[in-house]
Amino acid sequence: MIRAADDRLLVDGAMTLPRASALLAEGLEALTRDSAVFDLAAVSEVDSSSIAVVFGWMREARRLGKNLRIVNPPQDMLSLATVYGVSELLPLA
C-alpha cells in the first residue's frame, strides 16, 4: 500500500511478486498527483520484483519530468540491487 504523507509517498508491507503489479500501479498513480519521494522504511519484505517496481516508477517520473528518489530502502533491496549490478541506477536519496 502507498499513501501520501507530507512530502513523501510511504510504502508499507511486502514488495514481492504477488503485490508487484498493484504497487507499480499505485506508485504510477501517486506520481501524477504527489511527491516523487518514495519512503520504504515500512517495507517488510522484498524480492527481485521490488527492483522492477522501482524502475517502473523511475520511468514514469522521468516521463512526468519529476526527479524520483528512494529513501530508507530495506537492506535486502540494496543487496539484491548489488547482486544484479543495478545498485548505481537506484535513485537513492
N, C-alpha and C. Protein backbone atom coordinates (compact mmCIF):
# COMPACT_ATOMS: atom_id res chain seq x y z
N MET A 1 0.83 -1.18 0.00
CA MET A 1 0.00 0.00 0.00
C MET A 1 0.88 1.24 0.00
N ILE A 2 0.44 2.26 -0.73
CA ILE A 2 1.17 3.52 -0.81
C ILE A 2 0.23 4.64 -0.39
N ARG A 3 0.71 5.49 0.51
CA ARG A 3 -0.09 6.65 0.90
C ARG A 3 0.81 7.87 0.99
N ALA A 4 0.23 9.01 0.69
CA ALA A 4 0.97 10.26 0.75
C ALA A 4 0.98 10.78 2.17
N ALA A 5 2.13 11.27 2.61
CA ALA A 5 2.28 11.89 3.92
C ALA A 5 3.35 12.96 3.81
N ASP A 6 2.95 14.19 4.09
CA ASP A 6 3.86 15.33 3.96
C ASP A 6 4.43 15.36 2.55
N ASP A 7 5.74 15.27 2.44
CA ASP A 7 6.39 15.37 1.13
C ASP A 7 6.86 14.02 0.62
N ARG A 8 6.27 12.93 1.13
CA ARG A 8 6.72 11.59 0.76
C ARG A 8 5.55 10.68 0.43
N LEU A 9 5.88 9.64 -0.31
CA LEU A 9 4.94 8.54 -0.56
C LEU A 9 5.42 7.36 0.28
N LEU A 10 4.63 6.99 1.26
CA LEU A 10 5.00 5.93 2.18
C LEU A 10 4.54 4.58 1.65
N VAL A 11 5.48 3.67 1.51
CA VAL A 11 5.19 2.32 1.03
C VAL A 11 5.29 1.38 2.23
N ASP A 12 4.25 0.55 2.44
CA ASP A 12 4.35 -0.39 3.55
C ASP A 12 3.95 -1.79 3.11
N GLY A 13 4.38 -2.76 3.92
CA GLY A 13 4.11 -4.15 3.60
C GLY A 13 5.19 -4.74 2.72
N ALA A 14 4.85 -5.85 2.11
CA ALA A 14 5.80 -6.57 1.26
C ALA A 14 5.87 -5.97 -0.14
N MET A 15 7.08 -5.88 -0.67
CA MET A 15 7.30 -5.53 -2.08
C MET A 15 7.78 -6.81 -2.76
N THR A 16 6.84 -7.71 -2.97
CA THR A 16 7.16 -9.02 -3.54
C THR A 16 6.26 -9.28 -4.74
N LEU A 17 6.56 -10.33 -5.47
CA LEU A 17 5.86 -10.63 -6.72
C LEU A 17 4.34 -10.60 -6.61
N PRO A 18 3.73 -11.17 -5.58
CA PRO A 18 2.26 -11.13 -5.52
C PRO A 18 1.68 -9.71 -5.45
N ARG A 19 2.46 -8.76 -4.99
CA ARG A 19 1.98 -7.38 -4.86
C ARG A 19 2.59 -6.43 -5.89
N ALA A 20 3.48 -6.92 -6.72
CA ALA A 20 4.24 -6.05 -7.62
C ALA A 20 3.35 -5.24 -8.55
N SER A 21 2.39 -5.86 -9.20
CA SER A 21 1.53 -5.14 -10.14
C SER A 21 0.74 -4.04 -9.44
N ALA A 22 0.20 -4.36 -8.28
CA ALA A 22 -0.58 -3.36 -7.53
C ALA A 22 0.30 -2.21 -7.07
N LEU A 23 1.50 -2.52 -6.58
CA LEU A 23 2.41 -1.47 -6.13
C LEU A 23 2.86 -0.59 -7.29
N LEU A 24 3.12 -1.21 -8.43
CA LEU A 24 3.51 -0.43 -9.60
C LEU A 24 2.39 0.54 -9.96
N ALA A 25 1.17 0.03 -10.05
CA ALA A 25 0.02 0.87 -10.42
C ALA A 25 -0.22 1.98 -9.39
N GLU A 26 -0.16 1.65 -8.10
CA GLU A 26 -0.36 2.66 -7.06
C GLU A 26 0.70 3.74 -7.15
N GLY A 27 1.94 3.32 -7.35
CA GLY A 27 3.03 4.29 -7.45
C GLY A 27 2.91 5.18 -8.67
N LEU A 28 2.51 4.60 -9.81
CA LEU A 28 2.35 5.40 -11.02
C LEU A 28 1.25 6.44 -10.84
N GLU A 29 0.15 6.03 -10.22
CA GLU A 29 -0.93 6.98 -9.97
C GLU A 29 -0.50 8.07 -8.99
N ALA A 30 0.19 7.67 -7.94
CA ALA A 30 0.64 8.64 -6.93
C ALA A 30 1.60 9.67 -7.53
N LEU A 31 2.43 9.23 -8.46
CA LEU A 31 3.38 10.15 -9.08
C LEU A 31 2.69 11.27 -9.85
N THR A 32 1.50 11.03 -10.36
CA THR A 32 0.81 12.06 -11.13
C THR A 32 0.26 13.17 -10.25
N ARG A 33 0.09 12.90 -8.95
CA ARG A 33 -0.51 13.92 -8.09
C ARG A 33 0.30 14.27 -6.86
N ASP A 34 1.32 13.51 -6.54
CA ASP A 34 2.06 13.71 -5.30
C ASP A 34 3.55 13.81 -5.55
N SER A 35 4.27 13.78 -4.46
CA SER A 35 5.72 13.84 -4.45
C SER A 35 6.33 12.67 -5.22
N ALA A 36 7.60 12.80 -5.54
CA ALA A 36 8.32 11.72 -6.19
C ALA A 36 9.37 11.13 -5.24
N VAL A 37 9.10 11.23 -3.93
CA VAL A 37 9.99 10.65 -2.93
C VAL A 37 9.27 9.47 -2.29
N PHE A 38 9.77 8.27 -2.56
CA PHE A 38 9.18 7.05 -2.01
C PHE A 38 9.96 6.66 -0.76
N ASP A 39 9.27 6.56 0.36
CA ASP A 39 9.88 6.17 1.63
C ASP A 39 9.56 4.70 1.87
N LEU A 40 10.60 3.87 1.90
CA LEU A 40 10.42 2.42 2.02
C LEU A 40 10.69 1.91 3.43
N ALA A 41 10.69 2.79 4.42
CA ALA A 41 11.01 2.39 5.80
C ALA A 41 10.07 1.31 6.33
N ALA A 42 8.82 1.30 5.91
CA ALA A 42 7.85 0.34 6.43
C ALA A 42 7.70 -0.91 5.55
N VAL A 43 8.58 -1.07 4.58
CA VAL A 43 8.54 -2.27 3.73
C VAL A 43 9.06 -3.45 4.54
N SER A 44 8.28 -4.51 4.59
CA SER A 44 8.61 -5.66 5.44
C SER A 44 9.38 -6.76 4.74
N GLU A 45 9.27 -6.83 3.41
CA GLU A 45 9.90 -7.92 2.66
C GLU A 45 10.07 -7.48 1.21
N VAL A 46 11.16 -7.90 0.59
CA VAL A 46 11.39 -7.59 -0.82
C VAL A 46 11.85 -8.85 -1.54
N ASP A 47 11.66 -8.84 -2.85
CA ASP A 47 12.27 -9.83 -3.72
C ASP A 47 12.68 -9.08 -4.99
N SER A 48 13.11 -9.80 -6.00
CA SER A 48 13.63 -9.13 -7.20
C SER A 48 12.58 -8.25 -7.88
N SER A 49 11.31 -8.56 -7.70
CA SER A 49 10.28 -7.73 -8.33
C SER A 49 10.26 -6.32 -7.76
N SER A 50 10.76 -6.13 -6.55
CA SER A 50 10.79 -4.78 -5.97
C SER A 50 11.69 -3.86 -6.80
N ILE A 51 12.76 -4.40 -7.34
CA ILE A 51 13.66 -3.61 -8.18
C ILE A 51 12.92 -3.21 -9.46
N ALA A 52 12.19 -4.14 -10.05
CA ALA A 52 11.43 -3.84 -11.26
C ALA A 52 10.37 -2.78 -11.00
N VAL A 53 9.72 -2.84 -9.85
CA VAL A 53 8.72 -1.83 -9.49
C VAL A 53 9.37 -0.45 -9.41
N VAL A 54 10.50 -0.36 -8.74
CA VAL A 54 11.20 0.93 -8.63
C VAL A 54 11.59 1.45 -10.01
N PHE A 55 12.07 0.57 -10.89
CA PHE A 55 12.42 1.02 -12.24
C PHE A 55 11.19 1.51 -13.00
N GLY A 56 10.05 0.86 -12.79
CA GLY A 56 8.80 1.34 -13.40
C GLY A 56 8.43 2.72 -12.90
N TRP A 57 8.56 2.95 -11.59
CA TRP A 57 8.30 4.28 -11.03
C TRP A 57 9.27 5.30 -11.61
N MET A 58 10.53 4.90 -11.78
CA MET A 58 11.53 5.81 -12.34
C MET A 58 11.16 6.24 -13.76
N ARG A 59 10.72 5.29 -14.58
CA ARG A 59 10.33 5.62 -15.96
C ARG A 59 9.19 6.63 -15.98
N GLU A 60 8.18 6.41 -15.13
CA GLU A 60 7.04 7.32 -15.09
C GLU A 60 7.45 8.69 -14.57
N ALA A 61 8.28 8.72 -13.55
CA ALA A 61 8.74 10.00 -13.01
C ALA A 61 9.48 10.78 -14.10
N ARG A 62 10.33 10.10 -14.84
CA ARG A 62 11.07 10.76 -15.92
C ARG A 62 10.09 11.31 -16.96
N ARG A 63 9.08 10.52 -17.30
CA ARG A 63 8.08 10.97 -18.27
C ARG A 63 7.33 12.21 -17.78
N LEU A 64 7.11 12.28 -16.48
CA LEU A 64 6.40 13.42 -15.89
C LEU A 64 7.33 14.60 -15.57
N GLY A 65 8.62 14.42 -15.81
CA GLY A 65 9.58 15.48 -15.52
C GLY A 65 9.88 15.62 -14.04
N LYS A 66 9.70 14.54 -13.30
CA LYS A 66 9.97 14.56 -11.86
C LYS A 66 11.26 13.82 -11.56
N ASN A 67 11.89 14.21 -10.46
CA ASN A 67 13.13 13.58 -10.02
C ASN A 67 12.80 12.60 -8.89
N LEU A 68 12.65 11.33 -9.21
CA LEU A 68 12.28 10.32 -8.22
C LEU A 68 13.44 10.04 -7.29
N ARG A 69 13.12 9.88 -6.01
CA ARG A 69 14.12 9.49 -5.01
C ARG A 69 13.53 8.40 -4.13
N ILE A 70 14.40 7.51 -3.69
CA ILE A 70 14.04 6.44 -2.77
C ILE A 70 14.76 6.70 -1.46
N VAL A 71 14.00 6.74 -0.36
CA VAL A 71 14.62 6.90 0.96
C VAL A 71 14.29 5.69 1.82
N ASN A 72 15.18 5.40 2.73
CA ASN A 72 15.03 4.28 3.67
C ASN A 72 14.79 2.93 2.99
N PRO A 73 15.59 2.60 1.97
CA PRO A 73 15.38 1.30 1.32
C PRO A 73 15.80 0.17 2.26
N PRO A 74 15.09 -0.96 2.21
CA PRO A 74 15.49 -2.10 3.04
C PRO A 74 16.87 -2.62 2.60
N GLN A 75 17.63 -3.10 3.55
CA GLN A 75 18.95 -3.64 3.24
C GLN A 75 18.87 -4.77 2.22
N ASP A 76 17.81 -5.57 2.30
CA ASP A 76 17.66 -6.67 1.34
C ASP A 76 17.52 -6.15 -0.09
N MET A 77 16.86 -5.03 -0.27
CA MET A 77 16.72 -4.44 -1.60
C MET A 77 18.09 -3.98 -2.11
N LEU A 78 18.86 -3.36 -1.23
CA LEU A 78 20.19 -2.91 -1.62
C LEU A 78 21.08 -4.10 -2.00
N SER A 79 20.95 -5.18 -1.25
CA SER A 79 21.73 -6.39 -1.55
C SER A 79 21.34 -6.98 -2.90
N LEU A 80 20.03 -7.04 -3.17
CA LEU A 80 19.57 -7.55 -4.47
C LEU A 80 20.09 -6.67 -5.60
N ALA A 81 20.02 -5.36 -5.42
CA ALA A 81 20.49 -4.45 -6.46
C ALA A 81 21.98 -4.65 -6.73
N THR A 82 22.74 -4.91 -5.69
CA THR A 82 24.17 -5.17 -5.85
C THR A 82 24.40 -6.47 -6.62
N VAL A 83 23.68 -7.51 -6.25
CA VAL A 83 23.81 -8.81 -6.92
C VAL A 83 23.48 -8.68 -8.41
N TYR A 84 22.44 -7.90 -8.74
CA TYR A 84 22.02 -7.73 -10.13
C TYR A 84 22.82 -6.67 -10.87
N GLY A 85 23.72 -5.99 -10.17
CA GLY A 85 24.56 -4.99 -10.82
C GLY A 85 23.84 -3.71 -11.18
N VAL A 86 22.77 -3.38 -10.44
CA VAL A 86 22.00 -2.18 -10.77
C VAL A 86 21.95 -1.17 -9.62
N SER A 87 22.77 -1.38 -8.60
CA SER A 87 22.70 -0.50 -7.43
C SER A 87 22.97 0.95 -7.78
N GLU A 88 23.84 1.19 -8.75
CA GLU A 88 24.15 2.57 -9.13
C GLU A 88 22.99 3.24 -9.87
N LEU A 89 22.05 2.46 -10.36
CA LEU A 89 20.91 3.01 -11.08
C LEU A 89 19.77 3.42 -10.16
N LEU A 90 19.77 2.91 -8.93
CA LEU A 90 18.69 3.24 -8.00
C LEU A 90 18.82 4.70 -7.55
N PRO A 91 17.71 5.43 -7.55
CA PRO A 91 17.74 6.84 -7.17
C PRO A 91 17.66 7.02 -5.65
N LEU A 92 18.72 6.61 -4.97
CA LEU A 92 18.73 6.68 -3.51
C LEU A 92 19.04 8.09 -3.05
N ALA A 93 18.28 8.54 -2.07
CA ALA A 93 18.49 9.89 -1.53
C ALA A 93 19.54 9.85 -0.45
